[in-house]
N, C-alpha and C. Protein backbone atom coordinates (compact mmCIF):
# COMPACT_ATOMS: atom_id res chain seq x y z
N UNK A 1 68.86 155.54 -219.11
CA UNK A 1 68.08 154.66 -219.95
C UNK A 1 68.98 153.67 -220.69
N UNK A 2 70.18 154.11 -220.94
CA UNK A 2 71.14 153.31 -221.68
C UNK A 2 71.61 152.10 -220.87
N UNK A 3 71.54 152.20 -219.55
CA UNK A 3 71.99 151.10 -218.70
C UNK A 3 70.89 150.07 -218.48
N UNK A 4 69.75 150.25 -219.07
CA UNK A 4 68.66 149.30 -218.92
C UNK A 4 68.91 148.04 -219.75
N UNK A 5 69.56 148.18 -220.89
CA UNK A 5 69.81 147.02 -221.74
C UNK A 5 70.65 145.94 -221.06
N UNK A 6 71.79 146.27 -220.43
CA UNK A 6 72.56 145.19 -219.81
C UNK A 6 71.82 144.51 -218.66
N UNK A 7 71.02 145.27 -217.92
CA UNK A 7 70.26 144.67 -216.82
C UNK A 7 69.21 143.71 -217.37
N UNK A 8 68.49 144.13 -218.40
CA UNK A 8 67.46 143.27 -218.98
C UNK A 8 68.07 142.07 -219.70
N UNK A 9 69.19 142.27 -220.37
CA UNK A 9 69.85 141.14 -221.03
C UNK A 9 70.34 140.13 -220.00
N UNK A 10 70.88 140.62 -218.89
CA UNK A 10 71.30 139.74 -217.82
C UNK A 10 70.12 139.01 -217.19
N UNK A 11 68.99 139.70 -217.07
CA UNK A 11 67.79 139.07 -216.52
C UNK A 11 67.30 137.95 -217.44
N UNK A 12 67.36 138.17 -218.72
CA UNK A 12 66.96 137.12 -219.67
C UNK A 12 67.91 135.93 -219.57
N UNK A 13 69.19 136.20 -219.43
CA UNK A 13 70.16 135.11 -219.27
C UNK A 13 69.87 134.34 -217.99
N UNK A 14 69.65 135.07 -216.89
CA UNK A 14 69.38 134.43 -215.61
C UNK A 14 68.12 133.58 -215.63
N UNK A 15 67.06 134.09 -216.26
CA UNK A 15 65.82 133.33 -216.33
C UNK A 15 65.98 132.11 -217.24
N UNK A 16 66.73 132.26 -218.31
CA UNK A 16 66.89 131.15 -219.26
C UNK A 16 67.72 130.01 -218.68
N UNK A 17 68.77 130.34 -217.93
CA UNK A 17 69.63 129.28 -217.42
C UNK A 17 68.96 128.47 -216.31
N UNK A 18 67.91 128.98 -215.73
CA UNK A 18 67.23 128.25 -214.67
C UNK A 18 66.51 127.00 -215.19
N UNK A 19 66.40 126.87 -216.49
CA UNK A 19 65.77 125.69 -217.08
C UNK A 19 66.80 124.61 -217.44
N UNK A 20 68.07 124.87 -217.16
CA UNK A 20 69.13 123.89 -217.40
C UNK A 20 69.25 123.04 -216.14
N UNK A 21 69.07 121.73 -216.24
CA UNK A 21 69.04 120.89 -215.04
C UNK A 21 70.40 120.62 -214.39
N UNK A 22 71.49 120.73 -215.13
CA UNK A 22 72.81 120.41 -214.60
C UNK A 22 73.43 121.68 -214.02
N UNK A 23 73.80 121.64 -212.73
CA UNK A 23 74.24 122.84 -212.01
C UNK A 23 75.51 123.45 -212.60
N UNK A 24 76.52 122.62 -212.91
CA UNK A 24 77.77 123.18 -213.42
C UNK A 24 77.58 123.80 -214.80
N UNK A 25 76.70 123.21 -215.60
CA UNK A 25 76.42 123.78 -216.91
C UNK A 25 75.62 125.07 -216.79
N UNK A 26 74.69 125.09 -215.84
CA UNK A 26 73.89 126.30 -215.59
C UNK A 26 74.81 127.44 -215.17
N UNK A 27 75.76 127.16 -214.29
CA UNK A 27 76.70 128.18 -213.83
C UNK A 27 77.58 128.68 -214.97
N UNK A 28 78.09 127.75 -215.77
CA UNK A 28 78.92 128.14 -216.91
C UNK A 28 78.15 129.00 -217.90
N UNK A 29 76.93 128.59 -218.22
CA UNK A 29 76.11 129.37 -219.16
C UNK A 29 75.76 130.74 -218.59
N UNK A 30 75.55 130.81 -217.29
CA UNK A 30 75.24 132.09 -216.65
C UNK A 30 76.42 133.05 -216.77
N UNK A 31 77.61 132.58 -216.46
CA UNK A 31 78.80 133.43 -216.51
C UNK A 31 79.08 133.88 -217.94
N UNK A 32 79.07 132.95 -218.88
CA UNK A 32 79.33 133.28 -220.28
C UNK A 32 78.24 134.21 -220.82
N UNK A 33 76.99 133.92 -220.47
CA UNK A 33 75.88 134.77 -220.93
C UNK A 33 75.96 136.19 -220.41
N UNK A 34 76.35 136.35 -219.15
CA UNK A 34 76.48 137.71 -218.60
C UNK A 34 77.65 138.45 -219.22
N UNK A 35 78.73 137.74 -219.50
CA UNK A 35 79.86 138.38 -220.18
C UNK A 35 79.44 138.83 -221.58
N UNK A 36 78.75 137.97 -222.29
CA UNK A 36 78.29 138.35 -223.64
C UNK A 36 77.26 139.47 -223.60
N UNK A 37 76.39 139.46 -222.59
CA UNK A 37 75.40 140.54 -222.47
C UNK A 37 76.09 141.87 -222.20
N UNK A 38 77.08 141.87 -221.32
CA UNK A 38 77.82 143.10 -221.05
C UNK A 38 78.62 143.58 -222.25
N UNK A 39 79.22 142.63 -222.96
CA UNK A 39 79.99 142.98 -224.16
C UNK A 39 79.09 143.55 -225.24
N UNK A 40 77.94 142.93 -225.44
CA UNK A 40 77.02 143.45 -226.47
C UNK A 40 76.45 144.81 -226.07
N UNK A 41 76.21 145.03 -224.79
CA UNK A 41 75.71 146.33 -224.35
C UNK A 41 76.74 147.42 -224.58
N UNK A 42 77.99 147.13 -224.27
CA UNK A 42 79.05 148.13 -224.50
C UNK A 42 79.27 148.38 -225.99
N UNK A 43 79.14 147.34 -226.79
CA UNK A 43 79.32 147.49 -228.22
C UNK A 43 78.17 148.29 -228.85
N UNK A 44 76.94 147.94 -228.48
CA UNK A 44 75.77 148.60 -229.07
C UNK A 44 75.74 150.09 -228.70
N UNK A 45 76.08 150.40 -227.46
CA UNK A 45 76.02 151.80 -227.03
C UNK A 45 77.21 152.62 -227.53
N UNK A 46 78.22 151.97 -228.06
CA UNK A 46 79.39 152.68 -228.57
C UNK A 46 80.40 153.03 -227.50
N UNK A 47 80.21 152.50 -226.30
CA UNK A 47 81.13 152.82 -225.21
C UNK A 47 82.51 152.20 -225.41
N UNK A 48 82.58 151.11 -226.18
CA UNK A 48 83.88 150.47 -226.40
C UNK A 48 84.82 151.34 -227.22
N UNK A 49 84.26 152.25 -228.01
CA UNK A 49 85.10 153.14 -228.80
C UNK A 49 85.80 154.17 -227.91
N UNK A 50 85.14 154.53 -226.79
CA UNK A 50 85.75 155.48 -225.87
C UNK A 50 86.78 154.80 -224.98
N UNK A 51 86.34 153.75 -224.28
CA UNK A 51 87.22 153.06 -223.35
C UNK A 51 86.67 151.68 -223.05
N UNK A 52 87.59 150.73 -222.83
CA UNK A 52 87.18 149.37 -222.48
C UNK A 52 86.75 149.28 -221.01
N UNK A 53 86.94 150.36 -220.28
CA UNK A 53 86.53 150.38 -218.87
C UNK A 53 85.02 150.25 -218.71
N UNK A 54 84.28 150.71 -219.69
CA UNK A 54 82.82 150.62 -219.63
C UNK A 54 82.34 149.16 -219.67
N UNK A 55 83.16 148.30 -220.21
CA UNK A 55 82.80 146.89 -220.30
C UNK A 55 82.58 146.28 -218.92
N UNK A 56 83.42 146.62 -217.97
CA UNK A 56 83.27 146.07 -216.62
C UNK A 56 81.97 146.53 -215.97
N UNK A 57 81.57 147.77 -216.22
CA UNK A 57 80.32 148.28 -215.66
C UNK A 57 79.13 147.56 -216.28
N UNK A 58 79.15 147.39 -217.58
CA UNK A 58 78.04 146.71 -218.26
C UNK A 58 77.97 145.24 -217.88
N UNK A 59 79.11 144.59 -217.71
CA UNK A 59 79.08 143.19 -217.27
C UNK A 59 78.56 143.08 -215.84
N UNK A 60 78.91 144.02 -215.00
CA UNK A 60 78.39 144.03 -213.63
C UNK A 60 76.87 144.22 -213.62
N UNK A 61 76.38 145.13 -214.45
CA UNK A 61 74.94 145.34 -214.53
C UNK A 61 74.22 144.10 -215.05
N UNK A 62 74.82 143.42 -216.02
CA UNK A 62 74.23 142.18 -216.53
C UNK A 62 74.24 141.12 -215.44
N UNK A 63 75.30 141.04 -214.68
CA UNK A 63 75.42 140.09 -213.57
C UNK A 63 74.32 140.36 -212.53
N UNK A 64 74.11 141.61 -212.17
CA UNK A 64 73.09 141.97 -211.18
C UNK A 64 71.69 141.61 -211.71
N UNK A 65 71.41 141.96 -212.95
CA UNK A 65 70.12 141.60 -213.53
C UNK A 65 69.91 140.10 -213.58
N UNK A 66 70.96 139.37 -213.90
CA UNK A 66 70.87 137.91 -213.94
C UNK A 66 70.63 137.31 -212.58
N UNK A 67 71.31 137.81 -211.56
CA UNK A 67 71.12 137.29 -210.20
C UNK A 67 69.72 137.59 -209.68
N UNK A 68 69.19 138.75 -210.02
CA UNK A 68 67.82 139.07 -209.61
C UNK A 68 66.84 138.11 -210.27
N UNK A 69 67.03 137.84 -211.55
CA UNK A 69 66.14 136.91 -212.26
C UNK A 69 66.25 135.49 -211.70
N UNK A 70 67.47 135.06 -211.38
CA UNK A 70 67.65 133.73 -210.79
C UNK A 70 66.91 133.65 -209.46
N UNK A 71 67.00 134.70 -208.66
CA UNK A 71 66.30 134.73 -207.39
C UNK A 71 64.79 134.69 -207.55
N UNK A 72 64.28 135.41 -208.51
CA UNK A 72 62.83 135.43 -208.75
C UNK A 72 62.34 134.07 -209.23
N UNK A 73 63.04 133.48 -210.19
CA UNK A 73 62.63 132.17 -210.71
C UNK A 73 62.74 131.10 -209.62
N UNK A 74 63.79 131.17 -208.81
CA UNK A 74 63.93 130.21 -207.71
C UNK A 74 62.80 130.36 -206.71
N UNK A 75 62.43 131.59 -206.40
CA UNK A 75 61.33 131.82 -205.47
C UNK A 75 60.01 131.31 -206.00
N UNK A 76 59.76 131.52 -207.28
CA UNK A 76 58.51 131.02 -207.89
C UNK A 76 58.49 129.51 -207.86
N UNK A 77 59.59 128.88 -208.19
CA UNK A 77 59.65 127.41 -208.16
C UNK A 77 59.46 126.88 -206.74
N UNK A 78 60.07 127.54 -205.77
CA UNK A 78 59.96 127.10 -204.39
C UNK A 78 58.51 127.20 -203.90
N UNK A 79 57.84 128.30 -204.22
CA UNK A 79 56.44 128.44 -203.83
C UNK A 79 55.56 127.39 -204.49
N UNK A 80 55.84 127.09 -205.74
CA UNK A 80 55.05 126.07 -206.44
C UNK A 80 55.26 124.70 -205.80
N UNK A 81 56.49 124.40 -205.41
CA UNK A 81 56.76 123.11 -204.76
C UNK A 81 56.08 123.02 -203.41
N UNK A 82 56.07 124.10 -202.65
CA UNK A 82 55.40 124.10 -201.35
C UNK A 82 53.90 123.93 -201.54
N UNK A 83 53.32 124.64 -202.49
CA UNK A 83 51.89 124.52 -202.74
C UNK A 83 51.54 123.10 -203.20
N UNK A 84 52.37 122.51 -204.03
CA UNK A 84 52.13 121.15 -204.49
C UNK A 84 52.24 120.15 -203.34
N UNK A 85 53.17 120.38 -202.44
CA UNK A 85 53.37 119.49 -201.30
C UNK A 85 52.15 119.53 -200.38
N UNK A 86 51.68 120.73 -200.06
CA UNK A 86 50.57 120.84 -199.13
C UNK A 86 49.24 120.46 -199.75
N UNK A 87 49.09 120.66 -201.04
CA UNK A 87 47.82 120.25 -201.66
C UNK A 87 47.73 118.75 -201.81
N UNK A 88 48.84 118.07 -201.91
CA UNK A 88 48.82 116.62 -202.04
C UNK A 88 48.74 115.89 -200.71
N UNK A 89 49.11 116.56 -199.61
CA UNK A 89 49.16 115.87 -198.33
C UNK A 89 47.94 116.12 -197.45
N UNK A 90 47.00 116.92 -197.92
CA UNK A 90 45.80 117.19 -197.11
C UNK A 90 44.84 116.02 -197.18
N UNK A 91 44.16 115.78 -196.07
CA UNK A 91 43.11 114.76 -196.07
C UNK A 91 41.85 115.32 -196.71
N UNK A 92 41.39 114.66 -197.73
CA UNK A 92 40.20 115.14 -198.43
C UNK A 92 38.99 114.36 -197.91
N UNK A 93 38.00 115.06 -197.41
CA UNK A 93 36.82 114.43 -196.83
C UNK A 93 35.62 114.62 -197.70
């Protein structure tokens, strides 16, 4: 249950950066956001007091959650564009 926070934080980062129109800025914000999400997850859970090795696991989980969210948002946008394309190009009688 404790590993749910970094995944959800990464998913929020991934979904949020998809609204940034500039690709290089979106990528930079995604990387920094996932690092911060992993760092905050390790700090909140107290894992940093034991070992800094937990930080890499939490950052990886945030990265995975973020990539899943980016894929979902991209898929939704792609479907909306296809639907908009086909609804505008049909002959209406």
